[in-house]
Amino acid sequence: MSLTKEEVLRPLARRRGDAVVVTTMAAVRPWGQLSSSALDFASADSAMGHAADFALGLALAQPHRKVICLNGDGSMLMSLGTLVTIVASGATNLVLFVLQNERYELTGNQLVPGAGQVDFAGLARAAGFPHVHSFQEAAAYEGALPAILESAGPVCVALKVETGTSGPLDRGPAEPEAYLRPSLAESAHALRRALAGRGSH
């Protein structure tokens, strides 16, 4: 059993409050369809595998604000050491979601290494995460989500998600989701303004 991206992201969009949400890869377009916050940031077309690193930096820089990272399983595999770094940092305001669709969806749906075998919740526990959750059913996930978001972190949530068909990103006016049209640098500047209270959200 797997969740759809809609089942994962829509309840989260309703409950994110003033949290920063960092998305990457297969989550970027679905999230853009649900949220238009200035506190959304797509880390999807630069060095793949570093969305969780970026989210950790934000969490440390903004200790009084919740930071949510919507990471993919392929991206997480590229930086497993980040799990240990997150715990060692002492950040209590970071919630790391790992969407397991077992594919590099944006680059052609190739299988990720260890597809169907890697236990991301187990990896997070071994790294020392104090709160780890795993879901593959929508009602259980949605019911637990309020407590997950209120927990002192770091928190890791592993989710079995259906494979999709999103293609490569194309930053610019042709991109349907508004927060993906600016360049990565422009997006970073906009997020900084929003965090400083100079942007709308």
C-alpha atoms as a PDB file:
ATOM      1  CA  MET A   1       0.000   0.000   0.000  1.00  0.00           C
ATOM      2  CA  SER A   2       1.247   3.502  -0.855  1.00  0.00           C
ATOM      3  CA  LEU A   3       0.032   7.041  -0.405  1.00  0.00           C
ATOM      4  CA  THR A   4      -0.521   9.451  -3.244  1.00  0.00           C
ATOM      5  CA  LYS A   5       1.396  12.720  -3.186  1.00  0.00           C
ATOM      6  CA  GLU A   6      -1.936  14.469  -2.675  1.00  0.00           C
ATOM      7  CA  GLU A   7      -2.598  12.400   0.447  1.00  0.00           C
ATOM      8  CA  VAL A   8       0.817  13.337   1.812  1.00  0.00           C
ATOM      9  CA  LEU A   9       0.970  17.002   0.880  1.00  0.00           C
ATOM     10  CA  ARG A  10      -2.566  18.365   1.200  1.00  0.00           C
ATOM     11  CA  PRO A  11      -2.915  17.687   4.955  1.00  0.00           C
ATOM     12  CA  LEU A  12       0.566  19.111   5.466  1.00  0.00           C
ATOM     13  CA  ALA A  13      -0.259  22.258   3.496  1.00  0.00           C
ATOM     14  CA  ARG A  14      -3.271  22.832   5.751  1.00  0.00           C
ATOM     15  CA  ARG A  15      -1.215  22.513   8.920  1.00  0.00           C
ATOM     16  CA  ARG A  16       2.188  24.009   8.061  1.00  0.00           C
ATOM     17  CA  GLY A  17       1.408  27.396   9.659  1.00  0.00           C
ATOM     18  CA  ASP A  18       4.392  29.741   9.305  1.00  0.00           C
ATOM     19  CA  ALA A  19       6.910  26.938   8.780  1.00  0.00           C
ATOM     20  CA  VAL A  20       9.487  27.137   6.022  1.00  0.00           C
ATOM     21  CA  VAL A  21       8.939  24.287   3.570  1.00  0.00           C
ATOM     22  CA  VAL A  22      11.894  23.089   1.497  1.00  0.00           C
ATOM     23  CA  THR A  23      10.900  20.821  -1.371  1.00  0.00           C
ATOM     24  CA  THR A  24      12.955  18.803  -3.786  1.00  0.00           C
ATOM     25  CA  MET A  25      12.529  16.644  -6.866  1.00  0.00           C
ATOM     26  CA  ALA A  26       9.163  14.856  -7.166  1.00  0.00           C
ATOM     27  CA  ALA A  27       7.518  16.976  -4.443  1.00  0.00           C
ATOM     28  CA  VAL A  28       8.200  20.387  -5.970  1.00  0.00           C
ATOM     29  CA  ARG A  29       5.324  20.660  -8.445  1.00  0.00           C
ATOM     30  CA  PRO A  30       2.626  19.016  -6.300  1.00  0.00           C
ATOM     31  CA  TRP A  31       3.550  21.302  -3.402  1.00  0.00           C
ATOM     32  CA  GLY A  32       3.397  24.352  -5.658  1.00  0.00           C
ATOM     33  CA  GLN A  33      -0.167  23.407  -6.558  1.00  0.00           C
ATOM     34  CA  LEU A  34      -1.158  23.468  -2.887  1.00  0.00           C
ATOM     35  CA  SER A  35       0.803  26.407  -1.482  1.00  0.00           C
ATOM     36  CA  SER A  36       1.743  29.896  -2.599  1.00  0.00           C
ATOM     37  CA  SER A  37       3.633  30.920   0.534  1.00  0.00           C
ATOM     38  CA  ALA A  38       6.737  33.081   0.327  1.00  0.00           C
ATOM     39  CA  LEU A  39       8.198  30.578   2.818  1.00  0.00           C
ATOM     40  CA  ASP A  40       8.302  27.787   0.224  1.00  0.00           C
ATOM     41  CA  PHE A  41      11.652  27.003  -1.377  1.00  0.00           C
ATOM     42  CA  ALA A  42      12.365  24.485  -4.135  1.00  0.00           C
ATOM     43  CA  SER A  43      15.840  22.980  -3.854  1.00  0.00           C
ATOM     44  CA  ALA A  44      15.520  20.855  -6.950  1.00  0.00           C
ATOM     45  CA  ASP A  45      17.719  21.988  -9.803  1.00  0.00           C
ATOM     46  CA  SER A  46      21.109  22.464  -8.224  1.00  0.00           C
ATOM     47  CA  ALA A  47      23.277  19.873  -6.441  1.00  0.00           C
ATOM     48  CA  MET A  48      20.895  16.942  -6.055  1.00  0.00           C
ATOM     49  CA  GLY A  49      20.762  15.412  -2.614  1.00  0.00           C
ATOM     50  CA  HIS A  50      21.246  18.544  -0.528  1.00  0.00           C
ATOM     51  CA  ALA A  51      17.710  19.670   0.309  1.00  0.00           C
ATOM     52  CA  ALA A  52      18.004  18.212   3.814  1.00  0.00           C
ATOM     53  CA  ASP A  53      21.339  20.006   4.312  1.00  0.00           C
ATOM     54  CA  PHE A  54      19.758  23.284   3.243  1.00  0.00           C
ATOM     55  CA  ALA A  55      16.770  22.730   5.525  1.00  0.00           C
ATOM     56  CA  LEU A  56      19.094  22.051   8.449  1.00  0.00           C
ATOM     57  CA  GLY A  57      20.909  25.326   7.803  1.00  0.00           C
ATOM     58  CA  LEU A  58      17.588  27.164   7.841  1.00  0.00           C
ATOM     59  CA  ALA A  59      16.529  25.412  11.045  1.00  0.00           C
ATOM     60  CA  LEU A  60      19.741  26.460  12.778  1.00  0.00           C
ATOM     61  CA  ALA A  61      19.449  30.029  11.490  1.00  0.00           C
ATOM     62  CA  GLN A  62      15.751  30.259  12.437  1.00  0.00           C
ATOM     63  CA  PRO A  63      15.542  28.310  15.714  1.00  0.00           C
ATOM     64  CA  HIS A  64      12.117  29.692  16.628  1.00  0.00           C
ATOM     65  CA  ARG A  65      10.496  28.691  13.338  1.00  0.00           C
ATOM     66  CA  LYS A  66       9.546  25.190  12.202  1.00  0.00           C
ATOM     67  CA  VAL A  67      11.382  23.994   9.093  1.00  0.00           C
ATOM     68  CA  ILE A  68       9.924  21.170   7.020  1.00  0.00           C
ATOM     69  CA  CYS A  69      11.901  19.319   4.366  1.00  0.00           C
ATOM     70  CA  LEU A  70      10.087  17.283   1.721  1.00  0.00           C
ATOM     71  CA  ASN A  71      12.950  15.064   0.604  1.00  0.00           C
ATOM     72  CA  GLY A  72      12.953  12.169  -1.843  1.00  0.00           C
ATOM     73  CA  ASP A  73      14.401   8.731  -1.241  1.00  0.00           C
ATOM     74  CA  GLY A  74      16.909   9.121  -4.082  1.00  0.00           C
ATOM     75  CA  SER A  75      18.017  12.482  -2.710  1.00  0.00           C
ATOM     76  CA  MET A  76      18.255  11.104   0.820  1.00  0.00           C
ATOM     77  CA  LEU A  77      20.442   8.232  -0.358  1.00  0.00           C
ATOM     78  CA  MET A  78      22.897  10.749  -1.800  1.00  0.00           C
ATOM     79  CA  SER A  79      23.501  12.336   1.605  1.00  0.00           C
ATOM     80  CA  LEU A  80      22.798   9.754   4.303  1.00  0.00           C
ATOM     81  CA  GLY A  81      25.422  11.393   6.500  1.00  0.00           C
ATOM     82  CA  THR A  82      23.050  14.329   6.826  1.00  0.00           C
ATOM     83  CA  LEU A  83      20.877  12.213   9.143  1.00  0.00           C
ATOM     84  CA  VAL A  84      23.723  12.046  11.652  1.00  0.00           C
ATOM     85  CA  THR A  85      24.580  15.719  11.141  1.00  0.00           C
ATOM     86  CA  ILE A  86      20.974  16.758  11.824  1.00  0.00           C
ATOM     87  CA  VAL A  87      20.924  14.927  15.148  1.00  0.00           C
ATOM     88  CA  ALA A  88      24.387  16.154  16.144  1.00  0.00           C
ATOM     89  CA  SER A  89      23.380  19.752  15.386  1.00  0.00           C
ATOM     90  CA  GLY A  90      20.809  19.800  18.166  1.00  0.00           C
ATOM     91  CA  ALA A  91      18.165  21.378  15.917  1.00  0.00           C
ATOM     92  CA  THR A  92      14.767  20.795  17.517  1.00  0.00           C
ATOM     93  CA  ASN A  93      12.664  22.571  14.887  1.00  0.00           C
ATOM     94  CA  LEU A  94      13.304  20.372  11.827  1.00  0.00           C
ATOM     95  CA  VAL A  95      10.847  17.840  10.405  1.00  0.00           C
ATOM     96  CA  LEU A  96      12.332  15.697   7.641  1.00  0.00           C
ATOM     97  CA  PHE A  97       9.898  13.867   5.361  1.00  0.00           C
ATOM     98  CA  VAL A  98      11.323  11.164   3.094  1.00  0.00           C
ATOM     99  CA  LEU A  99       8.950  10.403   0.218  1.00  0.00           C
ATOM    100  CA  GLN A 100       9.767   6.888  -0.926  1.00  0.00           C
ATOM    101  CA  ASN A 101       8.623   6.360  -4.502  1.00  0.00           C
ATOM    102  CA  GLU A 102      11.697   4.234  -5.286  1.00  0.00           C
ATOM    103  CA  ARG A 103      12.402   6.263  -8.419  1.00  0.00           C
ATOM    104  CA  TYR A 104      14.416   9.240  -9.644  1.00  0.00           C
ATOM    105  CA  GLU A 105      11.144  10.632 -10.940  1.00  0.00           C
ATOM    106  CA  LEU A 106      12.270  13.940 -12.449  1.00  0.00           C
ATOM    107  CA  THR A 107      15.152  12.433 -14.403  1.00  0.00           C
ATOM    108  CA  GLY A 108      13.359   9.511 -16.056  1.00  0.00           C
ATOM    109  CA  ASN A 109      11.910   7.284 -13.316  1.00  0.00           C
ATOM    110  CA  GLN A 110      15.049   5.187 -12.932  1.00  0.00           C
ATOM    111  CA  LEU A 111      15.051   2.895  -9.881  1.00  0.00           C
ATOM    112  CA  VAL A 112      16.972   4.233  -6.909  1.00  0.00           C
ATOM    113  CA  PRO A 113      19.613   1.939  -5.408  1.00  0.00           C
ATOM    114  CA  GLY A 114      18.088  -0.500  -2.942  1.00  0.00           C
ATOM    115  CA  ALA A 115      14.539   0.195  -4.127  1.00  0.00           C
ATOM    116  CA  GLY A 116      12.088  -1.621  -1.899  1.00  0.00           C
ATOM    117  CA  GLN A 117      14.795  -2.666   0.553  1.00  0.00           C
ATOM    118  CA  VAL A 118      16.053   0.472   2.296  1.00  0.00           C
ATOM    119  CA  ASP A 119      14.470   1.180   5.686  1.00  0.00           C
ATOM    120  CA  PHE A 120      14.676   4.970   5.992  1.00  0.00           C
ATOM    121  CA  ALA A 121      12.910   4.977   9.356  1.00  0.00           C
ATOM    122  CA  GLY A 122      15.483   2.478  10.596  1.00  0.00           C
ATOM    123  CA  LEU A 123      18.326   4.630   9.279  1.00  0.00           C
ATOM    124  CA  ALA A 124      16.921   7.673  11.079  1.00  0.00           C
ATOM    125  CA  ARG A 125      16.633   5.736  14.347  1.00  0.00           C
ATOM    126  CA  ALA A 126      20.184   4.473  13.989  1.00  0.00           C
ATOM    127  CA  ALA A 127      21.347   8.066  13.429  1.00  0.00           C
ATOM    128  CA  GLY A 128      19.729   9.075  16.721  1.00  0.00           C
ATOM    129  CA  PHE A 129      16.503  10.822  15.671  1.00  0.00           C
ATOM    130  CA  PRO A 130      14.338  11.037  18.816  1.00  0.00           C
ATOM    131  CA  HIS A 131      11.092  10.852  16.836  1.00  0.00           C
ATOM    132  CA  VAL A 132      10.684   8.606  13.801  1.00  0.00           C
ATOM    133  CA  HIS A 133       7.462   7.688  12.004  1.00  0.00           C
ATOM    134  CA  SER A 134       6.645   5.494   9.025  1.00  0.00           C
ATOM    135  CA  PHE A 135       3.399   5.468   7.050  1.00  0.00           C
ATOM    136  CA  GLN A 136       1.927   3.864   3.984  1.00  0.00           C
ATOM    137  CA  GLU A 137      -1.758   4.496   4.728  1.00  0.00           C
ATOM    138  CA  ALA A 138      -3.430   7.894   4.439  1.00  0.00           C
ATOM    139  CA  ALA A 139      -5.742   7.886   7.480  1.00  0.00           C
ATOM    140  CA  ALA A 140      -2.987   6.862   9.906  1.00  0.00           C
ATOM    141  CA  TYR A 141      -0.664   9.524   8.504  1.00  0.00           C
ATOM    142  CA  GLU A 142      -3.221  12.333   8.599  1.00  0.00           C
ATOM    143  CA  GLY A 143      -4.286  11.400  12.118  1.00  0.00           C
ATOM    144  CA  ALA A 144      -0.712  11.498  13.398  1.00  0.00           C
ATOM    145  CA  LEU A 145       0.342  14.645  11.531  1.00  0.00           C
ATOM    146  CA  PRO A 146      -0.677  17.281  14.140  1.00  0.00           C
ATOM    147  CA  ALA A 147       1.376  15.577  16.856  1.00  0.00           C
ATOM    148  CA  ILE A 148       4.289  15.105  14.457  1.00  0.00           C
ATOM    149  CA  LEU A 149       4.398  18.807  13.642  1.00  0.00           C
ATOM    150  CA  GLU A 150       4.144  19.788  17.303  1.00  0.00           C
ATOM    151  CA  SER A 151       6.914  17.437  18.477  1.00  0.00           C
ATOM    152  CA  ALA A 152      10.312  18.774  19.453  1.00  0.00           C
ATOM    153  CA  GLY A 153      12.630  17.524  16.763  1.00  0.00           C
ATOM    154  CA  PRO A 154      14.428  16.533  14.888  1.00  0.00           C
ATOM    155  CA  VAL A 155      11.661  14.365  13.484  1.00  0.00           C
ATOM    156  CA  CYS A 156      11.866  11.970  10.543  1.00  0.00           C
ATOM    157  CA  VAL A 157       8.781  10.756   8.677  1.00  0.00           C
ATOM    158  CA  ALA A 158       9.201   8.011   6.072  1.00  0.00           C
ATOM    159  CA  LEU A 159       6.305   7.674   3.624  1.00  0.00           C
ATOM    160  CA  LYS A 160       5.660   5.077   0.949  1.00  0.00           C
ATOM    161  CA  VAL A 161       4.450   7.150  -2.013  1.00  0.00           C
ATOM    162  CA  GLU A 162       3.150   6.153  -5.433  1.00  0.00           C
ATOM    163  CA  THR A 163       5.411   6.718  -8.404  1.00  0.00           C
ATOM    164  CA  GLY A 164       4.524   9.708 -10.581  1.00  0.00           C
ATOM    165  CA  THR A 165       5.465  11.023 -14.000  1.00  0.00           C
ATOM    166  CA  SER A 166       6.839  14.517 -13.343  1.00  0.00           C
ATOM    167  CA  GLY A 167       9.426  15.548 -15.897  1.00  0.00           C
ATOM    168  CA  PRO A 168      12.501  17.768 -15.528  1.00  0.00           C
ATOM    169  CA  LEU A 169      12.078  21.263 -14.124  1.00  0.00           C
ATOM    170  CA  ASP A 170      12.247  24.290 -16.391  1.00  0.00           C
ATOM    171  CA  ARG A 171      12.737  27.444 -14.349  1.00  0.00           C
ATOM    172  CA  GLY A 172      11.263  30.372 -16.228  1.00  0.00           C
ATOM    173  CA  PRO A 173       7.919  31.656 -17.490  1.00  0.00           C
ATOM    174  CA  ALA A 174       6.917  28.305 -19.001  1.00  0.00           C
ATOM    175  CA  GLU A 175       6.984  26.534 -15.626  1.00  0.00           C
ATOM    176  CA  PRO A 176       3.387  26.139 -14.379  1.00  0.00           C
ATOM    177  CA  GLU A 177       4.158  26.504 -10.656  1.00  0.00           C
ATOM    178  CA  ALA A 178       4.893  30.113  -9.706  1.00  0.00           C
ATOM    179  CA  TYR A 179       7.615  29.438  -7.149  1.00  0.00           C
ATOM    180  CA  LEU A 180       9.591  27.490  -9.736  1.00  0.00           C
ATOM    181  CA  ARG A 181       9.745  30.326 -12.284  1.00  0.00           C
ATOM    182  CA  PRO A 182      12.457  32.446 -10.622  1.00  0.00           C
ATOM    183  CA  SER A 183      16.046  31.234 -10.747  1.00  0.00           C
ATOM    184  CA  LEU A 184      17.430  29.361  -7.776  1.00  0.00           C
ATOM    185  CA  ALA A 185      19.383  32.476  -6.716  1.00  0.00           C
ATOM    186  CA  GLU A 186      16.301  34.687  -7.043  1.00  0.00           C
ATOM    187  CA  SER A 187      14.306  32.189  -4.988  1.00  0.00           C
ATOM    188  CA  ALA A 188      16.938  32.220  -2.254  1.00  0.00           C
ATOM    189  CA  HIS A 189      16.874  36.018  -2.095  1.00  0.00           C
ATOM    190  CA  ALA A 190      13.059  35.987  -1.923  1.00  0.00           C
ATOM    191  CA  LEU A 191      13.115  33.483   0.942  1.00  0.00           C
ATOM    192  CA  ARG A 192      15.637  35.601   2.812  1.00  0.00           C
ATOM    193  CA  ARG A 193      13.376  38.648   2.433  1.00  0.00           C
ATOM    194  CA  ALA A 194      10.383  36.646   3.664  1.00  0.00           C
ATOM    195  CA  LEU A 195      12.284  35.388   6.707  1.00  0.00           C
ATOM    196  CA  ALA A 196      13.308  38.964   7.484  1.00  0.00           C
ATOM    197  CA  GLY A 197       9.681  40.041   7.312  1.00  0.00           C
ATOM    198  CA  ARG A 198      10.045  41.925   4.038  1.00  0.00           C
ATOM    199  CA  GLY A 199       8.040  39.501   1.889  1.00  0.00           C
ATOM    200  CA  SER A 200       4.405  38.497   1.778  1.00  0.00           C
ATOM    201  CA  HIS A 201       3.197  35.123   2.940  1.00  0.00           C
END
